[in-house]
Amino acid sequence: MKIRSIITTVSISAVTTLGVLFGYDKLNHHSNNPNLQYQAGTTKYAGFTDGAGSPSAGPADFTQAASGAI
């Protein structure tokens, strides 16, 4: 009798898990989520390069990166 209750519990847990995953996938449309979409050309460097793309001499300036993160 104990093995039957274990199998019942595992089966109910599996069906519940699959139902939640299926329901979440149907309700949450991630293709419309702007946080998951890649935007080309929006990379900002933290002062490691000058405007031409060559490395700048001197210490790195993180002001632009900090303001962009805010």
PDB file of N, CA and C in Angstrom:
ATOM      1  N   MET A   1       0.815  -1.192   0.000  1.00  0.00           N
ATOM      2  CA  MET A   1       0.000   0.000   0.000  1.00  0.00           C
ATOM      3  C   MET A   1       0.860   1.256   0.000  1.00  0.00           C
ATOM      4  N   LYS A   2       2.026   1.199   0.590  1.00  0.00           N
ATOM      5  CA  LYS A   2       2.894   2.367   0.671  1.00  0.00           C
ATOM      6  C   LYS A   2       3.427   2.736  -0.710  1.00  0.00           C
ATOM      7  N   ILE A   3       3.778   1.766  -1.534  1.00  0.00           N
ATOM      8  CA  ILE A   3       4.306   2.055  -2.865  1.00  0.00           C
ATOM      9  C   ILE A   3       3.228   2.689  -3.741  1.00  0.00           C
ATOM     10  N   ARG A   4       1.991   2.289  -3.529  1.00  0.00           N
ATOM     11  CA  ARG A   4       0.897   2.867  -4.327  1.00  0.00           C
ATOM     12  C   ARG A   4       0.703   4.350  -4.001  1.00  0.00           C
ATOM     13  N   SER A   5       0.803   4.732  -2.745  1.00  0.00           N
ATOM     14  CA  SER A   5       0.656   6.139  -2.370  1.00  0.00           C
ATOM     15  C   SER A   5       1.842   6.970  -2.870  1.00  0.00           C
ATOM     16  N   ILE A   6       3.024   6.384  -2.926  1.00  0.00           N
ATOM     17  CA  ILE A   6       4.195   7.084  -3.462  1.00  0.00           C
ATOM     18  C   ILE A   6       4.019   7.336  -4.963  1.00  0.00           C
ATOM     19  N   ILE A   7       3.567   6.325  -5.682  1.00  0.00           N
ATOM     20  CA  ILE A   7       3.344   6.477  -7.126  1.00  0.00           C
ATOM     21  C   ILE A   7       2.241   7.503  -7.393  1.00  0.00           C
ATOM     22  N   THR A   8       1.195   7.504  -6.579  1.00  0.00           N
ATOM     23  CA  THR A   8       0.116   8.475  -6.731  1.00  0.00           C
ATOM     24  C   THR A   8       0.623   9.897  -6.491  1.00  0.00           C
ATOM     25  N   THR A   9       1.421  10.083  -5.470  1.00  0.00           N
ATOM     26  CA  THR A   9       1.963  11.403  -5.155  1.00  0.00           C
ATOM     27  C   THR A   9       2.879  11.901  -6.262  1.00  0.00           C
ATOM     28  N   VAL A  10       3.735  11.038  -6.774  1.00  0.00           N
ATOM     29  CA  VAL A  10       4.652  11.417  -7.854  1.00  0.00           C
ATOM     30  C   VAL A  10       3.859  11.746  -9.121  1.00  0.00           C
ATOM     31  N   SER A  11       2.833  10.974  -9.405  1.00  0.00           N
ATOM     32  CA  SER A  11       2.012  11.220 -10.601  1.00  0.00           C
ATOM     33  C   SER A  11       1.274  12.552 -10.504  1.00  0.00           C
ATOM     34  N   ILE A  12       0.697  12.843  -9.366  1.00  0.00           N
ATOM     35  CA  ILE A  12      -0.009  14.113  -9.177  1.00  0.00           C
ATOM     36  C   ILE A  12       0.968  15.284  -9.278  1.00  0.00           C
ATOM     37  N   SER A  13       2.146  15.127  -8.724  1.00  0.00           N
ATOM     38  CA  SER A  13       3.156  16.184  -8.806  1.00  0.00           C
ATOM     39  C   SER A  13       3.597  16.422 -10.241  1.00  0.00           C
ATOM     40  N   ALA A  14       3.786  15.364 -11.003  1.00  0.00           N
ATOM     41  CA  ALA A  14       4.209  15.501 -12.394  1.00  0.00           C
ATOM     42  C   ALA A  14       3.133  16.173 -13.238  1.00  0.00           C
ATOM     43  N   VAL A  15       1.877  15.768 -13.046  1.00  0.00           N
ATOM     44  CA  VAL A  15       0.781  16.379 -13.806  1.00  0.00           C
ATOM     45  C   VAL A  15       0.631  17.849 -13.430  1.00  0.00           C
ATOM     46  N   THR A  16       0.752  18.185 -12.173  1.00  0.00           N
ATOM     47  CA  THR A  16       0.657  19.572 -11.728  1.00  0.00           C
ATOM     48  C   THR A  16       1.793  20.416 -12.312  1.00  0.00           C
ATOM     49  N   THR A  17       3.005  19.886 -12.289  1.00  0.00           N
ATOM     50  CA  THR A  17       4.154  20.607 -12.835  1.00  0.00           C
ATOM     51  C   THR A  17       3.993  20.858 -14.323  1.00  0.00           C
ATOM     52  N   LEU A  18       3.605  19.838 -15.059  1.00  0.00           N
ATOM     53  CA  LEU A  18       3.410  20.006 -16.501  1.00  0.00           C
ATOM     54  C   LEU A  18       2.278  20.994 -16.800  1.00  0.00           C
ATOM     55  N   GLY A  19       1.222  20.965 -16.013  1.00  0.00           N
ATOM     56  CA  GLY A  19       0.131  21.911 -16.195  1.00  0.00           C
ATOM     57  C   GLY A  19       0.551  23.349 -15.945  1.00  0.00           C
ATOM     58  N   VAL A  20       1.347  23.559 -14.906  1.00  0.00           N
ATOM     59  CA  VAL A  20       1.829  24.911 -14.600  1.00  0.00           C
ATOM     60  C   VAL A  20       2.761  25.402 -15.700  1.00  0.00           C
ATOM     61  N   LEU A  21       3.667  24.557 -16.154  1.00  0.00           N
ATOM     62  CA  LEU A  21       4.595  24.960 -17.216  1.00  0.00           C
ATOM     63  C   LEU A  21       3.860  25.265 -18.512  1.00  0.00           C
ATOM     64  N   PHE A  22       2.891  24.461 -18.863  1.00  0.00           N
ATOM     65  CA  PHE A  22       2.119  24.682 -20.080  1.00  0.00           C
ATOM     66  C   PHE A  22       1.294  25.964 -19.968  1.00  0.00           C
ATOM     67  N   GLY A  23       0.660  26.164 -18.829  1.00  0.00           N
ATOM     68  CA  GLY A  23      -0.137  27.370 -18.617  1.00  0.00           C
ATOM     69  C   GLY A  23       0.700  28.630 -18.620  1.00  0.00           C
ATOM     70  N   TYR A  24       1.865  28.580 -18.005  1.00  0.00           N
ATOM     71  CA  TYR A  24       2.766  29.739 -17.986  1.00  0.00           C
ATOM     72  C   TYR A  24       3.238  30.072 -19.395  1.00  0.00           C
ATOM     73  N   ASP A  25       3.542  29.059 -20.175  1.00  0.00           N
ATOM     74  CA  ASP A  25       3.988  29.286 -21.551  1.00  0.00           C
ATOM     75  C   ASP A  25       2.876  29.898 -22.392  1.00  0.00           C
ATOM     76  N   LYS A  26       1.643  29.486 -22.174  1.00  0.00           N
ATOM     77  CA  LYS A  26       0.520  30.029 -22.942  1.00  0.00           C
ATOM     78  C   LYS A  26       0.172  31.455 -22.521  1.00  0.00           C
ATOM     79  N   LEU A  27       0.287  31.759 -21.235  1.00  0.00           N
ATOM     80  CA  LEU A  27      -0.077  33.083 -20.752  1.00  0.00           C
ATOM     81  C   LEU A  27       1.030  34.117 -20.930  1.00  0.00           C
ATOM     82  N   ASN A  28       2.267  33.693 -20.889  1.00  0.00           N
ATOM     83  CA  ASN A  28       3.397  34.616 -20.971  1.00  0.00           C
ATOM     84  C   ASN A  28       3.992  34.541 -22.362  1.00  0.00           C
ATOM     85  N   HIS A  29       3.730  35.528 -23.179  1.00  0.00           N
ATOM     86  CA  HIS A  29       4.264  35.557 -24.541  1.00  0.00           C
ATOM     87  C   HIS A  29       5.598  36.300 -24.529  1.00  0.00           C
ATOM     88  N   HIS A  30       6.714  35.578 -24.441  1.00  0.00           N
ATOM     89  CA  HIS A  30       7.991  36.238 -24.349  1.00  0.00           C
ATOM     90  C   HIS A  30       8.456  36.878 -25.643  1.00  0.00           C
ATOM     91  N   SER A  31       7.868  36.576 -26.761  1.00  0.00           N
ATOM     92  CA  SER A  31       8.318  37.198 -27.999  1.00  0.00           C
ATOM     93  C   SER A  31       7.998  38.697 -28.005  1.00  0.00           C
ATOM     94  N   ASN A  32       7.046  39.136 -27.204  1.00  0.00           N
ATOM     95  CA  ASN A  32       6.704  40.549 -27.127  1.00  0.00           C
ATOM     96  C   ASN A  32       7.418  41.275 -25.997  1.00  0.00           C
ATOM     97  N   ASN A  33       8.259  40.587 -25.266  1.00  0.00           N
ATOM     98  CA  ASN A  33       8.953  41.182 -24.141  1.00  0.00           C
ATOM     99  C   ASN A  33      10.117  42.025 -24.649  1.00  0.00           C
ATOM    100  N   PRO A  34      10.114  43.339 -24.429  1.00  0.00           N
ATOM    101  CA  PRO A  34      11.199  44.180 -24.943  1.00  0.00           C
ATOM    102  C   PRO A  34      12.528  43.930 -24.238  1.00  0.00           C
ATOM    103  N   ASN A  35      12.499  43.307 -23.053  1.00  0.00           N
ATOM    104  CA  ASN A  35      13.749  43.040 -22.354  1.00  0.00           C
ATOM    105  C   ASN A  35      14.531  41.903 -22.990  1.00  0.00           C
ATOM    106  N   LEU A  36      13.871  41.068 -23.785  1.00  0.00           N
ATOM    107  CA  LEU A  36      14.539  39.931 -24.395  1.00  0.00           C
ATOM    108  C   LEU A  36      14.911  40.176 -25.853  1.00  0.00           C
ATOM    109  N   GLN A  37      14.581  41.339 -26.384  1.00  0.00           N
ATOM    110  CA  GLN A  37      14.875  41.621 -27.784  1.00  0.00           C
ATOM    111  C   GLN A  37      16.226  42.305 -27.901  1.00  0.00           C
ATOM    112  N   TYR A  38      17.000  41.878 -28.877  1.00  0.00           N
ATOM    113  CA  TYR A  38      18.332  42.421 -29.108  1.00  0.00           C
ATOM    114  C   TYR A  38      18.228  43.655 -29.990  1.00  0.00           C
ATOM    115  N   GLN A  39      18.885  44.710 -29.593  1.00  0.00           N
ATOM    116  CA  GLN A  39      18.907  45.924 -30.389  1.00  0.00           C
ATOM    117  C   GLN A  39      20.329  46.137 -30.873  1.00  0.00           C
ATOM    118  N   ALA A  40      20.543  46.009 -32.176  1.00  0.00           N
ATOM    119  CA  ALA A  40      21.873  46.151 -32.748  1.00  0.00           C
ATOM    120  C   ALA A  40      22.309  47.613 -32.709  1.00  0.00           C
ATOM    121  N   GLY A  41      23.588  47.801 -32.452  1.00  0.00           N
ATOM    122  CA  GLY A  41      24.159  49.142 -32.507  1.00  0.00           C
ATOM    123  C   GLY A  41      23.947  49.966 -31.265  1.00  0.00           C
ATOM    124  N   THR A  42      23.521  49.395 -30.161  1.00  0.00           N
ATOM    125  CA  THR A  42      23.300  50.168 -28.941  1.00  0.00           C
ATOM    126  C   THR A  42      24.393  49.949 -27.909  1.00  0.00           C
ATOM    127  N   THR A  43      25.529  49.410 -28.323  1.00  0.00           N
ATOM    128  CA  THR A  43      26.610  49.147 -27.393  1.00  0.00           C
ATOM    129  C   THR A  43      27.303  50.445 -27.033  1.00  0.00           C
ATOM    130  N   LYS A  44      27.470  50.674 -25.731  1.00  0.00           N
ATOM    131  CA  LYS A  44      28.182  51.855 -25.260  1.00  0.00           C
ATOM    132  C   LYS A  44      29.391  51.374 -24.474  1.00  0.00           C
ATOM    133  N   TYR A  45      30.535  51.892 -24.825  1.00  0.00           N
ATOM    134  CA  TYR A  45      31.756  51.524 -24.123  1.00  0.00           C
ATOM    135  C   TYR A  45      32.029  52.515 -23.007  1.00  0.00           C
ATOM    136  N   ALA A  46      32.760  52.077 -22.024  1.00  0.00           N
ATOM    137  CA  ALA A  46      32.995  52.890 -20.838  1.00  0.00           C
ATOM    138  C   ALA A  46      34.287  53.689 -20.951  1.00  0.00           C
ATOM    139  N   GLY A  47      34.520  54.318 -22.072  1.00  0.00           N
ATOM    140  CA  GLY A  47      35.691  55.159 -22.221  1.00  0.00           C
ATOM    141  C   GLY A  47      36.962  54.397 -22.535  1.00  0.00           C
ATOM    142  N   PHE A  48      36.855  53.147 -22.959  1.00  0.00           N
ATOM    143  CA  PHE A  48      38.049  52.390 -23.292  1.00  0.00           C
ATOM    144  C   PHE A  48      38.567  52.732 -24.679  1.00  0.00           C
ATOM    145  N   THR A  49      37.725  53.300 -25.521  1.00  0.00           N
ATOM    146  CA  THR A  49      38.141  53.646 -26.880  1.00  0.00           C
ATOM    147  C   THR A  49      37.786  55.096 -27.157  1.00  0.00           C
ATOM    148  N   ASP A  50      38.506  55.690 -28.116  1.00  0.00           N
ATOM    149  CA  ASP A  50      38.125  57.020 -28.552  1.00  0.00           C
ATOM    150  C   ASP A  50      37.037  56.894 -29.608  1.00  0.00           C
ATOM    151  N   GLY A  51      36.649  57.962 -30.248  1.00  0.00           N
ATOM    152  CA  GLY A  51      35.565  57.919 -31.204  1.00  0.00           C
ATOM    153  C   GLY A  51      35.835  57.044 -32.409  1.00  0.00           C
ATOM    154  N   ALA A  52      37.113  56.838 -32.772  1.00  0.00           N
ATOM    155  CA  ALA A  52      37.473  56.057 -33.955  1.00  0.00           C
ATOM    156  C   ALA A  52      37.564  54.565 -33.665  1.00  0.00           C
ATOM    157  N   GLY A  53      37.458  54.161 -32.421  1.00  0.00           N
ATOM    158  CA  GLY A  53      37.501  52.751 -32.081  1.00  0.00           C
ATOM    159  C   GLY A  53      38.852  52.261 -31.616  1.00  0.00           C
ATOM    160  N   SER A  54      39.867  53.138 -31.593  1.00  0.00           N
ATOM    161  CA  SER A  54      41.175  52.717 -31.100  1.00  0.00           C
ATOM    162  C   SER A  54      41.249  52.960 -29.594  1.00  0.00           C
ATOM    163  N   PRO A  55      42.069  52.175 -28.909  1.00  0.00           N
ATOM    164  CA  PRO A  55      42.144  52.301 -27.450  1.00  0.00           C
ATOM    165  C   PRO A  55      42.646  53.686 -27.051  1.00  0.00           C
ATOM    166  N   SER A  56      42.059  54.226 -26.007  1.00  0.00           N
ATOM    167  CA  SER A  56      42.482  55.534 -25.532  1.00  0.00           C
ATOM    168  C   SER A  56      43.589  55.371 -24.513  1.00  0.00           C
ATOM    169  N   ALA A  57      44.449  56.358 -24.484  1.00  0.00           N
ATOM    170  CA  ALA A  57      45.529  56.342 -23.500  1.00  0.00           C
ATOM    171  C   ALA A  57      45.017  56.968 -22.213  1.00  0.00           C
ATOM    172  N   GLY A  58      45.364  56.392 -21.097  1.00  0.00           N
ATOM    173  CA  GLY A  58      44.943  56.946 -19.821  1.00  0.00           C
ATOM    174  C   GLY A  58      43.919  56.069 -19.134  1.00  0.00           C
ATOM    175  N   PRO A  59      43.491  56.512 -17.986  1.00  0.00           N
ATOM    176  CA  PRO A  59      42.535  55.711 -17.209  1.00  0.00           C
ATOM    177  C   PRO A  59      41.154  55.692 -17.854  1.00  0.00           C
ATOM    178  N   ALA A  60      40.423  54.662 -17.548  1.00  0.00           N
ATOM    179  CA  ALA A  60      39.081  54.502 -18.100  1.00  0.00           C
ATOM    180  C   ALA A  60      38.112  55.444 -17.404  1.00  0.00           C
ATOM    181  N   ASP A  61      37.190  56.005 -18.163  1.00  0.00           N
ATOM    182  CA  ASP A  61      36.183  56.908 -17.632  1.00  0.00           C
ATOM    183  C   ASP A  61      34.833  56.204 -17.655  1.00  0.00           C
ATOM    184  N   PHE A  62      34.274  55.954 -16.479  1.00  0.00           N
ATOM    185  CA  PHE A  62      33.021  55.211 -16.366  1.00  0.00           C
ATOM    186  C   PHE A  62      31.797  56.111 -16.229  1.00  0.00           C
ATOM    187  N   THR A  63      31.958  57.416 -16.453  1.00  0.00           N
ATOM    188  CA  THR A  63      30.815  58.320 -16.301  1.00  0.00           C
ATOM    189  C   THR A  63      29.735  58.042 -17.329  1.00  0.00           C
ATOM    190  N   GLN A  64      30.101  57.831 -18.566  1.00  0.00           N
ATOM    191  CA  GLN A  64      29.119  57.563 -19.609  1.00  0.00           C
ATOM    192  C   GLN A  64      28.406  56.233 -19.349  1.00  0.00           C
ATOM    193  N   ALA A  65      29.137  55.230 -18.921  1.00  0.00           N
ATOM    194  CA  ALA A  65      28.518  53.937 -18.629  1.00  0.00           C
ATOM    195  C   ALA A  65      27.579  54.032 -17.431  1.00  0.00           C
ATOM    196  N   ALA A  66      27.973  54.793 -16.413  1.00  0.00           N
ATOM    197  CA  ALA A  66      27.124  54.946 -15.231  1.00  0.00           C
ATOM    198  C   ALA A  66      25.844  55.701 -15.570  1.00  0.00           C
ATOM    199  N   SER A  67      25.952  56.745 -16.391  1.00  0.00           N
ATOM    200  CA  SER A  67      24.746  57.488 -16.752  1.00  0.00           C
ATOM    201  C   SER A  67      23.860  56.660 -17.677  1.00  0.00           C
ATOM    202  N   GLY A  68      24.463  55.828 -18.517  1.00  0.00           N
ATOM    203  CA  GLY A  68      23.678  54.944 -19.376  1.00  0.00           C
ATOM    204  C   GLY A  68      22.978  53.850 -18.595  1.00  0.00           C
ATOM    205  N   ALA A  69      23.564  53.412 -17.505  1.00  0.00           N
ATOM    206  CA  ALA A  69      22.964  52.361 -16.684  1.00  0.00           C
ATOM    207  C   ALA A  69      21.798  52.890 -15.864  1.00  0.00           C
ATOM    208  N   ILE A  70      21.838  54.166 -15.577  1.00  0.00           N
ATOM    209  CA  ILE A  70      20.751  54.769 -14.793  1.00  0.00           C
ATOM    210  C   ILE A  70      19.576  54.970 -15.701  1.00  0.00           C
TER     211      ILE A  70
END
